């Protein structure tokens, strides 16, 4: 049986973004806080998954220009996720080590997004 694959699945940056979302969701599962803070937790989950979602959506667009725009949105979601993780650490919901581990992965994804954007821009000229 042939395995169906979408073109975005071959992008290493998408693969790392999915792994980043999984690690973030795994961390979220361990957070024990009051019900009134669920909105912040949901925001963290949404931001972390938005990175890979925007890469995939952009890859499915008709133009390189649109793809680049979605890659910028993905990078923004990455930065939003890190900001939320820093806030969660400051209110003692997660350990600094957990933030640092995710920041390392996020930094790598950010560099890959910037490289992909630059590569697409070069191919447009």
PDB file of N, CA and C in Angstrom:
ATOM      1  N   UNK A   1       0.834  -1.188   0.000  1.00  0.00           N
ATOM      2  CA  UNK A   1       0.000   0.000   0.000  1.00  0.00           C
ATOM      3  C   UNK A   1       0.874   1.243   0.000  1.00  0.00           C
ATOM      4  N   UNK A   2       0.556   2.193  -0.871  1.00  0.00           N
ATOM      5  CA  UNK A   2       1.311   3.446  -0.946  1.00  0.00           C
ATOM      6  C   UNK A   2       0.930   4.352   0.206  1.00  0.00           C
ATOM      7  N   UNK A   3       1.946   4.975   0.768  1.00  0.00           N
ATOM      8  CA  UNK A   3       1.694   5.938   1.838  1.00  0.00           C
ATOM      9  C   UNK A   3       1.518   7.321   1.227  1.00  0.00           C
ATOM     10  N   UNK A   4       0.423   7.969   1.563  1.00  0.00           N
ATOM     11  CA  UNK A   4       0.148   9.312   1.058  1.00  0.00           C
ATOM     12  C   UNK A   4       0.911  10.312   1.909  1.00  0.00           C
ATOM     13  N   UNK A   5       1.591  11.234   1.240  1.00  0.00           N
ATOM     14  CA  UNK A   5       2.336  12.280   1.942  1.00  0.00           C
ATOM     15  C   UNK A   5       2.053  13.618   1.276  1.00  0.00           C
ATOM     16  N   UNK A   6       1.937  14.629   2.107  1.00  0.00           N
ATOM     17  CA  UNK A   6       1.805  15.994   1.615  1.00  0.00           C
ATOM     18  C   UNK A   6       3.187  16.608   1.537  1.00  0.00           C
ATOM     19  N   UNK A   7       3.371  17.575   0.648  1.00  0.00           N
ATOM     20  CA  UNK A   7       4.697  18.152   0.425  1.00  0.00           C
ATOM     21  C   UNK A   7       5.270  18.814   1.678  1.00  0.00           C
ATOM     22  N   UNK A   8       4.412  19.394   2.527  1.00  0.00           N
ATOM     23  CA  UNK A   8       4.927  20.051   3.724  1.00  0.00           C
ATOM     24  C   UNK A   8       5.556  19.065   4.704  1.00  0.00           C
ATOM     25  N   UNK A   9       5.141  17.791   4.630  1.00  0.00           N
ATOM     26  CA  UNK A   9       5.686  16.781   5.547  1.00  0.00           C
ATOM     27  C   UNK A   9       7.174  16.532   5.311  1.00  0.00           C
ATOM     28  N   UNK A  10       7.656  16.877   4.131  1.00  0.00           N
ATOM     29  CA  UNK A  10       9.072  16.702   3.813  1.00  0.00           C
ATOM     30  C   UNK A  10       9.939  17.853   4.306  1.00  0.00           C
ATOM     31  N   UNK A  11       9.315  18.935   4.748  1.00  0.00           N
ATOM     32  CA  UNK A  11      10.075  20.081   5.247  1.00  0.00           C
ATOM     33  C   UNK A  11      10.590  19.795   6.660  1.00  0.00           C
ATOM     34  N   UNK A  12      11.895  19.846   6.828  1.00  0.00           N
ATOM     35  CA  UNK A  12      12.479  19.592   8.143  1.00  0.00           C
ATOM     36  C   UNK A  12      11.977  20.589   9.189  1.00  0.00           C
ATOM     37  N   UNK A  13      11.766  21.821   8.776  1.00  0.00           N
ATOM     38  CA  UNK A  13      11.280  22.835   9.716  1.00  0.00           C
ATOM     39  C   UNK A  13       9.873  22.487  10.190  1.00  0.00           C
ATOM     40  N   UNK A  14       9.037  21.945   9.325  1.00  0.00           N
ATOM     41  CA  UNK A  14       7.699  21.515   9.729  1.00  0.00           C
ATOM     42  C   UNK A  14       7.800  20.355  10.719  1.00  0.00           C
ATOM     43  N   UNK A  15       8.681  19.397  10.443  1.00  0.00           N
ATOM     44  CA  UNK A  15       8.866  18.249  11.327  1.00  0.00           C
ATOM     45  C   UNK A  15       9.309  18.699  12.720  1.00  0.00           C
ATOM     46  N   UNK A  16      10.240  19.644  12.763  1.00  0.00           N
ATOM     47  CA  UNK A  16      10.708  20.160  14.055  1.00  0.00           C
ATOM     48  C   UNK A  16       9.609  20.959  14.765  1.00  0.00           C
ATOM     49  N   UNK A  17       8.802  21.665  13.998  1.00  0.00           N
ATOM     50  CA  UNK A  17       7.705  22.434  14.589  1.00  0.00           C
ATOM     51  C   UNK A  17       6.656  21.503  15.201  1.00  0.00           C
ATOM     52  N   UNK A  18       6.410  20.375  14.564  1.00  0.00           N
ATOM     53  CA  UNK A  18       5.483  19.389  15.123  1.00  0.00           C
ATOM     54  C   UNK A  18       6.062  18.818  16.423  1.00  0.00           C
ATOM     55  N   UNK A  19       7.352  18.517  16.419  1.00  0.00           N
ATOM     56  CA  UNK A  19       8.008  18.015  17.632  1.00  0.00           C
ATOM     57  C   UNK A  19       7.959  19.062  18.751  1.00  0.00           C
ATOM     58  N   UNK A  20       8.146  20.326  18.383  1.00  0.00           N
ATOM     59  CA  UNK A  20       8.076  21.436  19.344  1.00  0.00           C
ATOM     60  C   UNK A  20       6.680  21.507  19.961  1.00  0.00           C
ATOM     61  N   UNK A  21       5.646  21.380  19.142  1.00  0.00           N
ATOM     62  CA  UNK A  21       4.271  21.406  19.639  1.00  0.00           C
ATOM     63  C   UNK A  21       4.021  20.230  20.580  1.00  0.00           C
ATOM     64  N   UNK A  22       4.519  19.060  20.202  1.00  0.00           N
ATOM     65  CA  UNK A  22       4.344  17.881  21.056  1.00  0.00           C
ATOM     66  C   UNK A  22       5.005  18.084  22.408  1.00  0.00           C
ATOM     67  N   UNK A  23       6.240  18.587  22.402  1.00  0.00           N
ATOM     68  CA  UNK A  23       6.953  18.828  23.661  1.00  0.00           C
ATOM     69  C   UNK A  23       6.210  19.850  24.518  1.00  0.00           C
ATOM     70  N   UNK A  24       5.680  20.868  23.885  1.00  0.00           N
ATOM     71  CA  UNK A  24       4.932  21.897  24.620  1.00  0.00           C
ATOM     72  C   UNK A  24       3.648  21.314  25.199  1.00  0.00           C
ATOM     73  N   UNK A  25       2.940  20.528  24.416  1.00  0.00           N
ATOM     74  CA  UNK A  25       1.705  19.898  24.899  1.00  0.00           C
ATOM     75  C   UNK A  25       2.013  18.936  26.044  1.00  0.00           C
ATOM     76  N   UNK A  26       3.094  18.176  25.921  1.00  0.00           N
ATOM     77  CA  UNK A  26       3.500  17.289  27.017  1.00  0.00           C
ATOM     78  C   UNK A  26       3.747  18.087  28.299  1.00  0.00           C
ATOM     79  N   UNK A  27       4.379  19.240  28.162  1.00  0.00           N
ATOM     80  CA  UNK A  27       4.631  20.108  29.312  1.00  0.00           C
ATOM     81  C   UNK A  27       3.317  20.638  29.891  1.00  0.00           C
ATOM     82  N   UNK A  28       2.413  21.044  29.021  1.00  0.00           N
ATOM     83  CA  UNK A  28       1.114  21.563  29.456  1.00  0.00           C
ATOM     84  C   UNK A  28       0.371  20.521  30.299  1.00  0.00           C
ATOM     85  N   UNK A  29       0.471  19.257  29.895  1.00  0.00           N
ATOM     86  CA  UNK A  29      -0.211  18.180  30.618  1.00  0.00           C
ATOM     87  C   UNK A  29       0.244  18.092  32.075  1.00  0.00           C
ATOM     88  N   UNK A  30       1.439  18.576  32.365  1.00  0.00           N
ATOM     89  CA  UNK A  30       1.997  18.490  33.725  1.00  0.00           C
ATOM     90  C   UNK A  30       1.708  19.726  34.569  1.00  0.00           C
ATOM     91  N   UNK A  31       1.186  20.775  33.954  1.00  0.00           N
ATOM     92  CA  UNK A  31       0.920  22.009  34.693  1.00  0.00           C
ATOM     93  C   UNK A  31      -0.309  21.819  35.573  1.00  0.00           C
ATOM     94  N   UNK A  32      -0.152  22.171  36.823  1.00  0.00           N
ATOM     95  CA  UNK A  32      -1.253  22.070  37.773  1.00  0.00           C
ATOM     96  C   UNK A  32      -1.547  23.475  38.289  1.00  0.00           C
ATOM     97  N   UNK A  33      -2.638  24.050  37.817  1.00  0.00           N
ATOM     98  CA  UNK A  33      -2.988  25.404  38.216  1.00  0.00           C
ATOM     99  C   UNK A  33      -4.508  25.527  38.372  1.00  0.00           C
ATOM    100  N   UNK A  34      -4.942  26.645  38.827  1.00  0.00           N
ATOM    101  CA  UNK A  34      -6.361  26.870  39.062  1.00  0.00           C
ATOM    102  C   UNK A  34      -7.116  27.011  37.749  1.00  0.00           C
ATOM    103  N   UNK A  35      -8.387  26.697  37.791  1.00  0.00           N
ATOM    104  CA  UNK A  35      -9.244  26.743  36.608  1.00  0.00           C
ATOM    105  C   UNK A  35      -9.244  28.115  35.941  1.00  0.00           C
ATOM    106  N   UNK A  36      -9.113  29.167  36.701  1.00  0.00           N
ATOM    107  CA  UNK A  36      -9.178  30.508  36.120  1.00  0.00           C
ATOM    108  C   UNK A  36      -8.040  30.795  35.140  1.00  0.00           C
ATOM    109  N   UNK A  37      -7.045  29.933  35.113  1.00  0.00           N
ATOM    110  CA  UNK A  37      -5.901  30.147  34.223  1.00  0.00           C
ATOM    111  C   UNK A  37      -5.946  29.267  32.970  1.00  0.00           C
ATOM    112  N   UNK A  38      -7.029  28.565  32.745  1.00  0.00           N
ATOM    113  CA  UNK A  38      -7.118  27.691  31.582  1.00  0.00           C
ATOM    114  C   UNK A  38      -6.960  28.452  30.272  1.00  0.00           C
ATOM    115  N   UNK A  39      -7.411  29.691  30.222  1.00  0.00           N
ATOM    116  CA  UNK A  39      -7.295  30.478  28.990  1.00  0.00           C
ATOM    117  C   UNK A  39      -5.828  30.658  28.585  1.00  0.00           C
ATOM    118  N   UNK A  40      -4.973  30.903  29.559  1.00  0.00           N
ATOM    119  CA  UNK A  40      -3.539  31.035  29.260  1.00  0.00           C
ATOM    120  C   UNK A  40      -2.949  29.719  28.776  1.00  0.00           C
ATOM    121  N   UNK A  41      -3.375  28.642  29.384  1.00  0.00           N
ATOM    122  CA  UNK A  41      -2.882  27.322  28.966  1.00  0.00           C
ATOM    123  C   UNK A  41      -3.361  27.014  27.551  1.00  0.00           C
ATOM    124  N   UNK A  42      -4.614  27.332  27.264  1.00  0.00           N
ATOM    125  CA  UNK A  42      -5.133  27.133  25.912  1.00  0.00           C
ATOM    126  C   UNK A  42      -4.385  27.998  24.899  1.00  0.00           C
ATOM    127  N   UNK A  43      -4.019  29.202  25.306  1.00  0.00           N
ATOM    128  CA  UNK A  43      -3.264  30.098  24.420  1.00  0.00           C
ATOM    129  C   UNK A  43      -1.892  29.504  24.094  1.00  0.00           C
ATOM    130  N   UNK A  44      -1.253  28.916  25.113  1.00  0.00           N
ATOM    131  CA  UNK A  44       0.047  28.277  24.893  1.00  0.00           C
ATOM    132  C   UNK A  44      -0.094  27.104  23.928  1.00  0.00           C
ATOM    133  N   UNK A  45      -1.110  26.315  24.120  1.00  0.00           N
ATOM    134  CA  UNK A  45      -1.341  25.180  23.227  1.00  0.00           C
ATOM    135  C   UNK A  45      -1.608  25.657  21.794  1.00  0.00           C
ATOM    136  N   UNK A  46      -2.423  26.684  21.655  1.00  0.00           N
ATOM    137  CA  UNK A  46      -2.741  27.218  20.327  1.00  0.00           C
ATOM    138  C   UNK A  46      -1.510  27.806  19.651  1.00  0.00           C
ATOM    139  N   UNK A  47      -0.718  28.574  20.393  1.00  0.00           N
ATOM    140  CA  UNK A  47       0.469  29.205  19.817  1.00  0.00           C
ATOM    141  C   UNK A  47       1.488  28.160  19.375  1.00  0.00           C
ATOM    142  N   UNK A  48       1.703  27.145  20.208  1.00  0.00           N
ATOM    143  CA  UNK A  48       2.717  26.140  19.874  1.00  0.00           C
ATOM    144  C   UNK A  48       2.319  25.313  18.655  1.00  0.00           C
ATOM    145  N   UNK A  49       1.039  25.011  18.515  1.00  0.00           N
ATOM    146  CA  UNK A  49       0.601  24.234  17.352  1.00  0.00           C
ATOM    147  C   UNK A  49       0.492  25.105  16.100  1.00  0.00           C
ATOM    148  N   UNK A  50       0.325  26.400  16.285  1.00  0.00           N
ATOM    149  CA  UNK A  50       0.192  27.329  15.166  1.00  0.00           C
ATOM    150  C   UNK A  50       1.451  27.382  14.302  1.00  0.00           C
ATOM    151  N   UNK A  51       2.591  27.078  14.868  1.00  0.00           N
ATOM    152  CA  UNK A  51       3.845  27.138  14.104  1.00  0.00           C
ATOM    153  C   UNK A  51       3.775  26.151  12.935  1.00  0.00           C
ATOM    154  N   UNK A  52       3.557  24.883  13.239  1.00  0.00           N
ATOM    155  CA  UNK A  52       3.509  23.872  12.167  1.00  0.00           C
ATOM    156  C   UNK A  52       2.276  24.045  11.284  1.00  0.00           C
ATOM    157  N   UNK A  53       1.164  24.485  11.872  1.00  0.00           N
ATOM    158  CA  UNK A  53      -0.045  24.691  11.079  1.00  0.00           C
ATOM    159  C   UNK A  53       0.163  25.761  10.012  1.00  0.00           C
ATOM    160  N   UNK A  54       0.836  26.840  10.366  1.00  0.00           N
ATOM    161  CA  UNK A  54       1.072  27.912   9.391  1.00  0.00           C
ATOM    162  C   UNK A  54       2.091  27.524   8.335  1.00  0.00           C
ATOM    163  N   UNK A  55       3.070  26.728   8.709  1.00  0.00           N
ATOM    164  CA  UNK A  55       4.022  26.227   7.706  1.00  0.00           C
ATOM    165  C   UNK A  55       3.266  25.381   6.685  1.00  0.00           C
ATOM    166  N   UNK A  56       2.415  24.485   7.169  1.00  0.00           N
ATOM    167  CA  UNK A  56       1.653  23.608   6.271  1.00  0.00           C
ATOM    168  C   UNK A  56       0.691  24.412   5.397  1.00  0.00           C
ATOM    169  N   UNK A  57      -0.029  25.346   6.010  1.00  0.00           N
ATOM    170  CA  UNK A  57      -0.980  26.142   5.235  1.00  0.00           C
ATOM    171  C   UNK A  57      -0.266  26.974   4.176  1.00  0.00           C
ATOM    172  N   UNK A  58       0.858  27.562   4.544  1.00  0.00           N
ATOM    173  CA  UNK A  58       1.614  28.361   3.584  1.00  0.00           C
ATOM    174  C   UNK A  58       2.138  27.531   2.428  1.00  0.00           C
ATOM    175  N   UNK A  59       2.568  26.319   2.725  1.00  0.00           N
ATOM    176  CA  UNK A  59       3.076  25.440   1.670  1.00  0.00           C
ATOM    177  C   UNK A  59       1.976  25.104   0.670  1.00  0.00           C
ATOM    178  N   UNK A  60       0.738  25.103   1.144  1.00  0.00           N
ATOM    179  CA  UNK A  60      -0.384  24.786   0.267  1.00  0.00           C
ATOM    180  C   UNK A  60      -0.913  25.965  -0.529  1.00  0.00           C
ATOM    181  N   UNK A  61      -0.358  27.139  -0.343  1.00  0.00           N
ATOM    182  CA  UNK A  61      -0.822  28.321  -1.066  1.00  0.00           C
ATOM    183  C   UNK A  61      -0.274  28.330  -2.483  1.00  0.00           C
ATOM    184  N   UNK A  62      -0.868  29.169  -3.315  1.00  0.00           N
ATOM    185  CA  UNK A  62      -0.527  29.189  -4.734  1.00  0.00           C
ATOM    186  C   UNK A  62       0.752  29.952  -5.065  1.00  0.00           C
ATOM    187  N   UNK A  63       1.175  30.834  -4.194  1.00  0.00           N
ATOM    188  CA  UNK A  63       2.340  31.647  -4.551  1.00  0.00           C
ATOM    189  C   UNK A  63       3.410  31.595  -3.472  1.00  0.00           C
ATOM    190  N   UNK A  64       4.611  31.862  -3.894  1.00  0.00           N
ATOM    191  CA  UNK A  64       5.738  31.926  -2.959  1.00  0.00           C
ATOM    192  C   UNK A  64       5.568  33.082  -1.989  1.00  0.00           C
ATOM    193  N   UNK A  65       4.995  34.171  -2.492  1.00  0.00           N
ATOM    194  CA  UNK A  65       4.770  35.340  -1.636  1.00  0.00           C
ATOM    195  C   UNK A  65       3.840  34.987  -0.475  1.00  0.00           C
ATOM    196  N   UNK A  66       2.779  34.262  -0.774  1.00  0.00           N
ATOM    197  CA  UNK A  66       1.862  33.836   0.284  1.00  0.00           C
ATOM    198  C   UNK A  66       2.550  32.877   1.255  1.00  0.00           C
ATOM    199  N   UNK A  67       3.346  31.961   0.721  1.00  0.00           N
ATOM    200  CA  UNK A  67       4.083  31.018   1.568  1.00  0.00           C
ATOM    201  C   UNK A  67       4.968  31.778   2.546  1.00  0.00           C
ATOM    202  N   UNK A  68       5.679  32.771   2.053  1.00  0.00           N
ATOM    203  CA  UNK A  68       6.543  33.583   2.915  1.00  0.00           C
ATOM    204  C   UNK A  68       5.726  34.250   4.016  1.00  0.00           C
ATOM    205  N   UNK A  69       4.569  34.784   3.678  1.00  0.00           N
ATOM    206  CA  UNK A  69       3.729  35.435   4.684  1.00  0.00           C
ATOM    207  C   UNK A  69       3.344  34.457   5.796  1.00  0.00           C
ATOM    208  N   UNK A  70       2.996  33.245   5.428  1.00  0.00           N
ATOM    209  CA  UNK A  70       2.638  32.248   6.439  1.00  0.00           C
ATOM    210  C   UNK A  70       3.850  31.831   7.268  1.00  0.00           C
ATOM    211  N   UNK A  71       5.023  31.831   6.665  1.00  0.00           N
ATOM    212  CA  UNK A  71       6.238  31.530   7.438  1.00  0.00           C
ATOM    213  C   UNK A  71       6.504  32.625   8.465  1.00  0.00           C
ATOM    214  N   UNK A  72       6.221  33.865   8.120  1.00  0.00           N
ATOM    215  CA  UNK A  72       6.339  34.957   9.094  1.00  0.00           C
ATOM    216  C   UNK A  72       5.336  34.782  10.239  1.00  0.00           C
ATOM    217  N   UNK A  73       4.128  34.368   9.901  1.00  0.00           N
ATOM    218  CA  UNK A  73       3.122  34.124  10.942  1.00  0.00           C
ATOM    219  C   UNK A  73       3.580  32.973  11.845  1.00  0.00           C
ATOM    220  N   UNK A  74       4.144  31.939  11.239  1.00  0.00           N
ATOM    221  CA  UNK A  74       4.666  30.809  12.023  1.00  0.00           C
ATOM    222  C   UNK A  74       5.741  31.284  12.993  1.00  0.00           C
ATOM    223  N   UNK A  75       6.629  32.141  12.513  1.00  0.00           N
ATOM    224  CA  UNK A  75       7.687  32.663  13.384  1.00  0.00           C
ATOM    225  C   UNK A  75       7.098  33.511  14.512  1.00  0.00           C
ATOM    226  N   UNK A  76       6.069  34.283  14.209  1.00  0.00           N
ATOM    227  CA  UNK A  76       5.392  35.056  15.246  1.00  0.00           C
ATOM    228  C   UNK A  76       4.778  34.148  16.306  1.00  0.00           C
ATOM    229  N   UNK A  77       4.174  33.051  15.878  1.00  0.00           N
ATOM    230  CA  UNK A  77       3.598  32.091  16.820  1.00  0.00           C
ATOM    231  C   UNK A  77       4.683  31.437  17.674  1.00  0.00           C
ATOM    232  N   UNK A  78       5.831  31.219  17.080  1.00  0.00           N
ATOM    233  CA  UNK A  78       6.960  30.668  17.820  1.00  0.00           C
ATOM    234  C   UNK A  78       7.376  31.625  18.936  1.00  0.00           C
ATOM    235  N   UNK A  79       7.481  32.899  18.609  1.00  0.00           N
ATOM    236  CA  UNK A  79       7.855  33.908  19.606  1.00  0.00           C
ATOM    237  C   UNK A  79       6.779  34.053  20.683  1.00  0.00           C
ATOM    238  N   UNK A  80       5.519  33.952  20.271  1.00  0.00           N
ATOM    239  CA  UNK A  80       4.418  34.008  21.235  1.00  0.00           C
ATOM    240  C   UNK A  80       4.517  32.838  22.221  1.00  0.00           C
ATOM    241  N   UNK A  81       4.816  31.655  21.701  1.00  0.00           N
ATOM    242  CA  UNK A  81       4.944  30.477  22.555  1.00  0.00           C
ATOM    243  C   UNK A  81       6.045  30.672  23.584  1.00  0.00           C
ATOM    244  N   UNK A  82       7.192  31.167  23.140  1.00  0.00           N
ATOM    245  CA  UNK A  82       8.316  31.365  24.063  1.00  0.00           C
ATOM    246  C   UNK A  82       7.955  32.405  25.119  1.00  0.00           C
ATOM    247  N   UNK A  83       7.277  33.454  24.721  1.00  0.00           N
ATOM    248  CA  UNK A  83       6.866  34.485  25.684  1.00  0.00           C
ATOM    249  C   UNK A  83       5.942  33.879  26.740  1.00  0.00           C
ATOM    250  N   UNK A  84       4.991  33.074  26.314  1.00  0.00           N
ATOM    251  CA  UNK A  84       4.098  32.426  27.270  1.00  0.00           C
ATOM    252  C   UNK A  84       4.867  31.499  28.206  1.00  0.00           C
ATOM    253  N   UNK A  85       5.821  30.763  27.670  1.00  0.00           N
ATOM    254  CA  UNK A  85       6.627  29.871  28.514  1.00  0.00           C
ATOM    255  C   UNK A  85       7.420  30.666  29.554  1.00  0.00           C
ATOM    256  N   UNK A  86       7.951  31.803  29.151  1.00  0.00           N
ATOM    257  CA  UNK A  86       8.679  32.662  30.097  1.00  0.00           C
ATOM    258  C   UNK A  86       7.730  33.161  31.198  1.00  0.00           C
ATOM    259  N   UNK A  87       6.540  33.562  30.806  1.00  0.00           N
ATOM    260  CA  UNK A  87       5.538  34.002  31.798  1.00  0.00           C
ATOM    261  C   UNK A  87       5.184  32.850  32.736  1.00  0.00           C
ATOM    262  N   UNK A  88       4.969  31.665  32.183  1.00  0.00           N
ATOM    263  CA  UNK A  88       4.632  30.507  33.009  1.00  0.00           C
ATOM    264  C   UNK A  88       5.754  30.217  34.011  1.00  0.00           C
ATOM    265  N   UNK A  89       6.988  30.399  33.582  1.00  0.00           N
ATOM    266  CA  UNK A  89       8.102  30.218  34.510  1.00  0.00           C
ATOM    267  C   UNK A  89       8.082  31.285  35.604  1.00  0.00           C
ATOM    268  N   UNK A  90       7.830  32.518  35.228  1.00  0.00           N
ATOM    269  CA  UNK A  90       7.833  33.619  36.204  1.00  0.00           C
ATOM    270  C   UNK A  90       6.748  33.467  37.273  1.00  0.00           C
ATOM    271  N   UNK A  91       5.651  32.782  36.928  1.00  0.00           N
ATOM    272  CA  UNK A  91       4.607  32.543  37.928  1.00  0.00           C
ATOM    273  C   UNK A  91       4.742  31.147  38.556  1.00  0.00           C
ATOM    274  N   UNK A  92       5.901  30.540  38.310  1.00  0.00           N
ATOM    275  CA  UNK A  92       6.269  29.255  38.936  1.00  0.00           C
ATOM    276  C   UNK A  92       5.390  28.074  38.526  1.00  0.00           C
ATOM    277  N   UNK A  93       4.890  28.086  37.301  1.00  0.00           N
ATOM    278  CA  UNK A  93       4.129  26.947  36.804  1.00  0.00           C
ATOM    279  C   UNK A  93       5.041  25.917  36.146  1.00  0.00           C
ATOM    280  N   UNK A  94       6.186  26.374  35.624  1.00  0.00           N
ATOM    281  CA  UNK A  94       7.156  25.473  34.995  1.00  0.00           C
ATOM    282  C   UNK A  94       8.561  25.875  35.415  1.00  0.00           C
ATOM    283  N   UNK A  95       9.473  24.927  35.311  1.00  0.00           N
ATOM    284  CA  UNK A  95      10.859  25.161  35.715  1.00  0.00           C
ATOM    285  C   UNK A  95      11.646  25.849  34.603  1.00  0.00           C
ATOM    286  N   UNK A  96      12.684  26.560  35.015  1.00  0.00           N
ATOM    287  CA  UNK A  96      13.547  27.250  34.052  1.00  0.00           C
ATOM    288  C   UNK A  96      14.156  26.269  33.059  1.00  0.00           C
ATOM    289  N   UNK A  97      14.511  25.088  33.527  1.00  0.00           N
ATOM    290  CA  UNK A  97      15.099  24.067  32.645  1.00  0.00           C
ATOM    291  C   UNK A  97      14.135  23.707  31.518  1.00  0.00           C
ATOM    292  N   UNK A  98      12.856  23.619  31.833  1.00  0.00           N
ATOM    293  CA  UNK A  98      11.859  23.296  30.814  1.00  0.00           C
ATOM    294  C   UNK A  98      11.765  24.402  29.764  1.00  0.00           C
ATOM    295  N   UNK A  99      11.816  25.643  30.217  1.00  0.00           N
ATOM    296  CA  UNK A  99      11.792  26.778  29.290  1.00  0.00           C
ATOM    297  C   UNK A  99      13.036  26.751  28.406  1.00  0.00           C
ATOM    298  N   UNK A 100      14.193  26.534  29.019  1.00  0.00           N
ATOM    299  CA  UNK A 100      15.449  26.531  28.268  1.00  0.00           C
ATOM    300  C   UNK A 100      15.477  25.448  27.193  1.00  0.00           C
ATOM    301  N   UNK A 101      14.963  24.268  27.512  1.00  0.00           N
ATOM    302  CA  UNK A 101      14.939  23.180  26.529  1.00  0.00           C
ATOM    303  C   UNK A 101      14.072  23.552  25.324  1.00  0.00           C
ATOM    304  N   UNK A 102      12.919  24.128  25.595  1.00  0.00           N
ATOM    305  CA  UNK A 102      12.045  24.528  24.498  1.00  0.00           C
ATOM    306  C   UNK A 102      12.599  25.739  23.745  1.00  0.00           C
ATOM    307  N   UNK A 103      13.291  26.626  24.460  1.00  0.00           N
ATOM    308  CA  UNK A 103      13.905  27.777  23.784  1.00  0.00           C
ATOM    309  C   UNK A 103      14.976  27.326  22.802  1.00  0.00           C
ATOM    310  N   UNK A 104      15.732  26.301  23.148  1.00  0.00           N
ATOM    311  CA  UNK A 104      16.763  25.794  22.227  1.00  0.00           C
ATOM    312  C   UNK A 104      16.128  25.269  20.943  1.00  0.00           C
ATOM    313  N   UNK A 105      15.058  24.499  21.097  1.00  0.00           N
ATOM    314  CA  UNK A 105      14.367  23.982  19.921  1.00  0.00           C
ATOM    315  C   UNK A 105      13.736  25.117  19.123  1.00  0.00           C
ATOM    316  N   UNK A 106      13.141  26.071  19.824  1.00  0.00           N
ATOM    317  CA  UNK A 106      12.511  27.214  19.153  1.00  0.00           C
ATOM    318  C   UNK A 106      13.541  28.055  18.400  1.00  0.00           C
ATOM    319  N   UNK A 107      14.706  28.237  18.994  1.00  0.00           N
ATOM    320  CA  UNK A 107      15.761  29.009  18.329  1.00  0.00           C
ATOM    321  C   UNK A 107      16.156  28.333  17.016  1.00  0.00           C
ATOM    322  N   UNK A 108      16.287  27.014  17.054  1.00  0.00           N
ATOM    323  CA  UNK A 108      16.636  26.258  15.853  1.00  0.00           C
ATOM    324  C   UNK A 108      15.538  26.396  14.794  1.00  0.00           C
ATOM    325  N   UNK A 109      14.288  26.286  15.204  1.00  0.00           N
ATOM    326  CA  UNK A 109      13.162  26.435  14.270  1.00  0.00           C
ATOM    327  C   UNK A 109      13.139  27.849  13.696  1.00  0.00           C
ATOM    328  N   UNK A 110      13.374  28.841  14.530  1.00  0.00           N
ATOM    329  CA  UNK A 110      13.405  30.227  14.066  1.00  0.00           C
ATOM    330  C   UNK A 110      14.464  30.445  12.997  1.00  0.00           C
ATOM    331  N   UNK A 111      15.649  29.889  13.218  1.00  0.00           N
ATOM    332  CA  UNK A 111      16.723  30.000  12.217  1.00  0.00           C
ATOM    333  C   UNK A 111      16.324  29.303  10.918  1.00  0.00           C
ATOM    334  N   UNK A 112      15.681  28.162  11.042  1.00  0.00           N
ATOM    335  CA  UNK A 112      15.258  27.425   9.847  1.00  0.00           C
ATOM    336  C   UNK A 112      14.185  28.198   9.085  1.00  0.00           C
ATOM    337  N   UNK A 113      13.267  28.809   9.808  1.00  0.00           N
ATOM    338  CA  UNK A 113      12.233  29.623   9.146  1.00  0.00           C
ATOM    339  C   UNK A 113      12.867  30.795   8.408  1.00  0.00           C
ATOM    340  N   UNK A 114      13.809  31.471   9.053  1.00  0.00           N
ATOM    341  CA  UNK A 114      14.483  32.602   8.406  1.00  0.00           C
ATOM    342  C   UNK A 114      15.248  32.158   7.166  1.00  0.00           C
ATOM    343  N   UNK A 115      15.904  31.012   7.242  1.00  0.00           N
ATOM    344  CA  UNK A 115      16.644  30.484   6.082  1.00  0.00           C
ATOM    345  C   UNK A 115      15.698  30.114   4.950  1.00  0.00           C
ATOM    346  N   UNK A 116      14.567  29.510   5.295  1.00  0.00           N
ATOM    347  CA  UNK A 116      13.600  29.141   4.270  1.00  0.00           C
ATOM    348  C   UNK A 116      13.017  30.378   3.606  1.00  0.00           C
ATOM    349  N   UNK A 117      12.703  31.388   4.395  1.00  0.00           N
ATOM    350  CA  UNK A 117      12.195  32.653   3.836  1.00  0.00           C
ATOM    351  C   UNK A 117      13.222  33.256   2.882  1.00  0.00           C
ATOM    352  N   UNK A 118      14.476  33.296   3.310  1.00  0.00           N
ATOM    353  CA  UNK A 118      15.542  33.861   2.456  1.00  0.00           C
ATOM    354  C   UNK A 118      15.709  33.051   1.173  1.00  0.00           C
ATOM    355  N   UNK A 119      15.637  31.741   1.280  1.00  0.00           N
ATOM    356  CA  UNK A 119      15.764  30.879   0.108  1.00  0.00           C
ATOM    357  C   UNK A 119      14.630  31.106  -0.892  1.00  0.00           C
ATOM    358  N   UNK A 120      13.418  31.219  -0.382  1.00  0.00           N
ATOM    359  CA  UNK A 120      12.269  31.466  -1.266  1.00  0.00           C
ATOM    360  C   UNK A 120      12.400  32.822  -1.918  1.00  0.00           C
ATOM    361  N   UNK A 121      12.813  33.820  -1.152  1.00  0.00           N
ATOM    362  CA  UNK A 121      12.996  35.172  -1.716  1.00  0.00           C
ATOM    363  C   UNK A 121      14.022  35.168  -2.851  1.00  0.00           C
ATOM    364  N   UNK A 122      15.126  34.451  -2.641  1.00  0.00           N
ATOM    365  CA  UNK A 122      16.168  34.361  -3.682  1.00  0.00           C
ATOM    366  C   UNK A 122      15.623  33.704  -4.952  1.00  0.00           C
ATOM    367  N   UNK A 123      14.745  32.710  -4.778  1.00  0.00           N
ATOM    368  CA  UNK A 123      14.212  32.011  -5.948  1.00  0.00           C
ATOM    369  C   UNK A 123      13.188  32.869  -6.705  1.00  0.00           C
ATOM    370  N   UNK A 124      12.719  33.932  -6.066  1.00  0.00           N
ATOM    371  CA  UNK A 124      11.728  34.819  -6.713  1.00  0.00           C
ATOM    372  C   UNK A 124      12.381  35.870  -7.615  1.00  0.00           C
ATOM    373  N   UNK A 125      13.684  36.038  -7.478  1.00  0.00           N
ATOM    374  CA  UNK A 125      14.362  37.083  -8.259  1.00  0.00           C
ATOM    375  C   UNK A 125      14.996  36.544  -9.517  1.00  0.00           C
TER     376      UNK A 125
END
